[in-house]
Amino acid sequence: QVQLVESGGGLVQTGGSLRLSCTASGRTFDRYAMGWFRQTPGKEREYVAAISFRGDSTDYADSVKGRFTISRVNTENTVYLQMNSLKPEDTAVYYCARRRGYYREYDVNPYEYDYWGQGTQVTVSS
């Protein structure tokens, strides 16, 4: 059983920055692509960003492109989401997730991810 633990959420003003971290248990972290998603009450989980298992390829939702950066350190079993120029519409619970199946390309569909963290709240005040 893999556990993903997120941290780094909080309250920030518009234009501010936060860095989210997600640390995984186990010894196979470097075999899996990872993704970040977010969700607000009453809405479906929304894709934010993803990174390949090696960390040499990344992808972003249009809504965060140019403002957010996903990265990973495989020796630390950790994936990060650096969020800059935050906007009130970025307010959500943010989740990290592990791509289903090892050595597979990342995906924007949340159903292609099999393990999820507990989520961390990000609130951007206007």
Foldseek 3Di string as FASTA:
>chain_A
DKAKAKDWADEEAQQAKIKMKIAMDDDCQLFWKKFKWWDDPPDDIFGAKIAASNRPDIDGDPVQPPFWDWGDDNVRRMIMIIGGRDDQVVWTWMKMFTAADTPDDDDRDPVRTDDIHPTDTHGYHD
